[in-house]
Amino acid sequence: MSKKSKGVNPDLEEAVSTLLKEVMADETASLTDKCKVIDRAVNIEKLKQKLSDEEWGAGFAIPNDEDDE
């Protein structure tokens, strides 16, 4: 059985990048359409950050002592 490679599919990244450029350059695209594409691009960046940083989100399980003061 082959392992899946970690990371974001490069084809997906390229497609979202192309879509982002096209939609932002389109004067007839609605604000909603532009925001949807921006959201997709931001989500891909979040996934890339999560995959590259092993400690991503680790601080949420640690109690915050500063709130007790």
C-alpha atoms as a PDB file:
ATOM      1  CA  MET A   1       0.000   0.000   0.000  1.00  0.00           C
ATOM      2  CA  SER A   2       1.409   3.392  -0.932  1.00  0.00           C
ATOM      3  CA  LYS A   3       1.472   6.272   1.500  1.00  0.00           C
ATOM      4  CA  LYS A   4      -0.141   9.572   0.624  1.00  0.00           C
ATOM      5  CA  SER A   5       2.318  12.408   0.495  1.00  0.00           C
ATOM      6  CA  LYS A   6       1.805  15.123   3.058  1.00  0.00           C
ATOM      7  CA  GLY A   7       1.063  18.579   1.873  1.00  0.00           C
ATOM      8  CA  VAL A   8      -1.313  20.477  -0.323  1.00  0.00           C
ATOM      9  CA  ASN A   9      -1.828  19.196  -3.845  1.00  0.00           C
ATOM     10  CA  PRO A  10       0.222  21.472  -6.147  1.00  0.00           C
ATOM     11  CA  ASP A  11      -2.484  21.286  -8.829  1.00  0.00           C
ATOM     12  CA  LEU A  12      -5.041  22.565  -6.319  1.00  0.00           C
ATOM     13  CA  GLU A  13      -2.737  25.386  -5.268  1.00  0.00           C
ATOM     14  CA  GLU A  14      -2.168  26.395  -8.879  1.00  0.00           C
ATOM     15  CA  ALA A  15      -5.890  26.241  -9.692  1.00  0.00           C
ATOM     16  CA  VAL A  16      -6.844  28.445  -6.736  1.00  0.00           C
ATOM     17  CA  SER A  17      -4.035  30.868  -7.558  1.00  0.00           C
ATOM     18  CA  THR A  18      -5.207  31.139 -11.161  1.00  0.00           C
ATOM     19  CA  LEU A  19      -8.826  31.531 -10.075  1.00  0.00           C
ATOM     20  CA  LEU A  20      -7.842  34.252  -7.607  1.00  0.00           C
ATOM     21  CA  LYS A  21      -6.027  36.226 -10.315  1.00  0.00           C
ATOM     22  CA  GLU A  22      -8.894  35.854 -12.771  1.00  0.00           C
ATOM     23  CA  VAL A  23     -11.654  36.794 -10.346  1.00  0.00           C
ATOM     24  CA  MET A  24      -9.810  39.799  -8.952  1.00  0.00           C
ATOM     25  CA  ALA A  25      -9.142  41.100 -12.469  1.00  0.00           C
ATOM     26  CA  ASP A  26     -12.790  40.593 -13.505  1.00  0.00           C
ATOM     27  CA  GLU A  27     -14.653  43.867 -13.124  1.00  0.00           C
ATOM     28  CA  THR A  28     -18.023  42.108 -13.325  1.00  0.00           C
ATOM     29  CA  ALA A  29     -17.290  39.674 -10.475  1.00  0.00           C
ATOM     30  CA  SER A  30     -19.354  40.380  -7.378  1.00  0.00           C
ATOM     31  CA  LEU A  31     -17.851  41.077  -3.983  1.00  0.00           C
ATOM     32  CA  THR A  32     -19.276  37.743  -2.817  1.00  0.00           C
ATOM     33  CA  ASP A  33     -17.450  35.887  -5.601  1.00  0.00           C
ATOM     34  CA  LYS A  34     -14.203  37.648  -4.783  1.00  0.00           C
ATOM     35  CA  CYS A  35     -14.543  36.908  -1.071  1.00  0.00           C
ATOM     36  CA  LYS A  36     -15.217  33.222  -1.742  1.00  0.00           C
ATOM     37  CA  VAL A  37     -12.029  32.898  -3.781  1.00  0.00           C
ATOM     38  CA  ILE A  38     -10.014  34.826  -1.193  1.00  0.00           C
ATOM     39  CA  ASP A  39     -11.379  32.511   1.494  1.00  0.00           C
ATOM     40  CA  ARG A  40     -10.251  29.455  -0.471  1.00  0.00           C
ATOM     41  CA  ALA A  41      -6.764  30.893  -0.905  1.00  0.00           C
ATOM     42  CA  VAL A  42      -6.510  31.754   2.798  1.00  0.00           C
ATOM     43  CA  ASN A  43      -7.663  28.261   3.778  1.00  0.00           C
ATOM     44  CA  ILE A  44      -4.943  26.700   1.630  1.00  0.00           C
ATOM     45  CA  GLU A  45      -2.367  28.940   3.308  1.00  0.00           C
ATOM     46  CA  LYS A  46      -3.692  27.881   6.725  1.00  0.00           C
ATOM     47  CA  LEU A  47      -3.356  24.218   5.754  1.00  0.00           C
ATOM     48  CA  LYS A  48       0.202  24.778   4.543  1.00  0.00           C
ATOM     49  CA  GLN A  49       1.079  26.496   7.825  1.00  0.00           C
ATOM     50  CA  LYS A  50      -0.499  23.704   9.839  1.00  0.00           C
ATOM     51  CA  LEU A  51       1.413  21.038   7.917  1.00  0.00           C
ATOM     52  CA  SER A  52       4.758  22.832   8.171  1.00  0.00           C
ATOM     53  CA  ASP A  53       4.569  23.669  11.882  1.00  0.00           C
ATOM     54  CA  GLU A  54       4.489  20.636  14.180  1.00  0.00           C
ATOM     55  CA  GLU A  55       3.607  22.793  17.188  1.00  0.00           C
ATOM     56  CA  TRP A  56       0.662  24.444  15.422  1.00  0.00           C
ATOM     57  CA  GLY A  57      -2.245  24.559  17.853  1.00  0.00           C
ATOM     58  CA  ALA A  58      -0.241  22.977  20.689  1.00  0.00           C
ATOM     59  CA  GLY A  59      -0.703  26.025  22.915  1.00  0.00           C
ATOM     60  CA  PHE A  60      -4.464  25.541  23.104  1.00  0.00           C
ATOM     61  CA  ALA A  61      -4.089  22.548  25.439  1.00  0.00           C
ATOM     62  CA  ILE A  62      -1.853  24.418  27.880  1.00  0.00           C
ATOM     63  CA  PRO A  63      -3.701  26.222  30.687  1.00  0.00           C
ATOM     64  CA  ASN A  64      -3.122  29.956  30.753  1.00  0.00           C
ATOM     65  CA  ASP A  65      -1.880  30.999  34.204  1.00  0.00           C
ATOM     66  CA  GLU A  66      -2.133  34.702  33.359  1.00  0.00           C
ATOM     67  CA  ASP A  67      -5.937  34.572  33.603  1.00  0.00           C
ATOM     68  CA  ASP A  68      -5.768  33.451  37.252  1.00  0.00           C
ATOM     69  CA  GLU A  69      -4.082  36.630  38.466  1.00  0.00           C
END
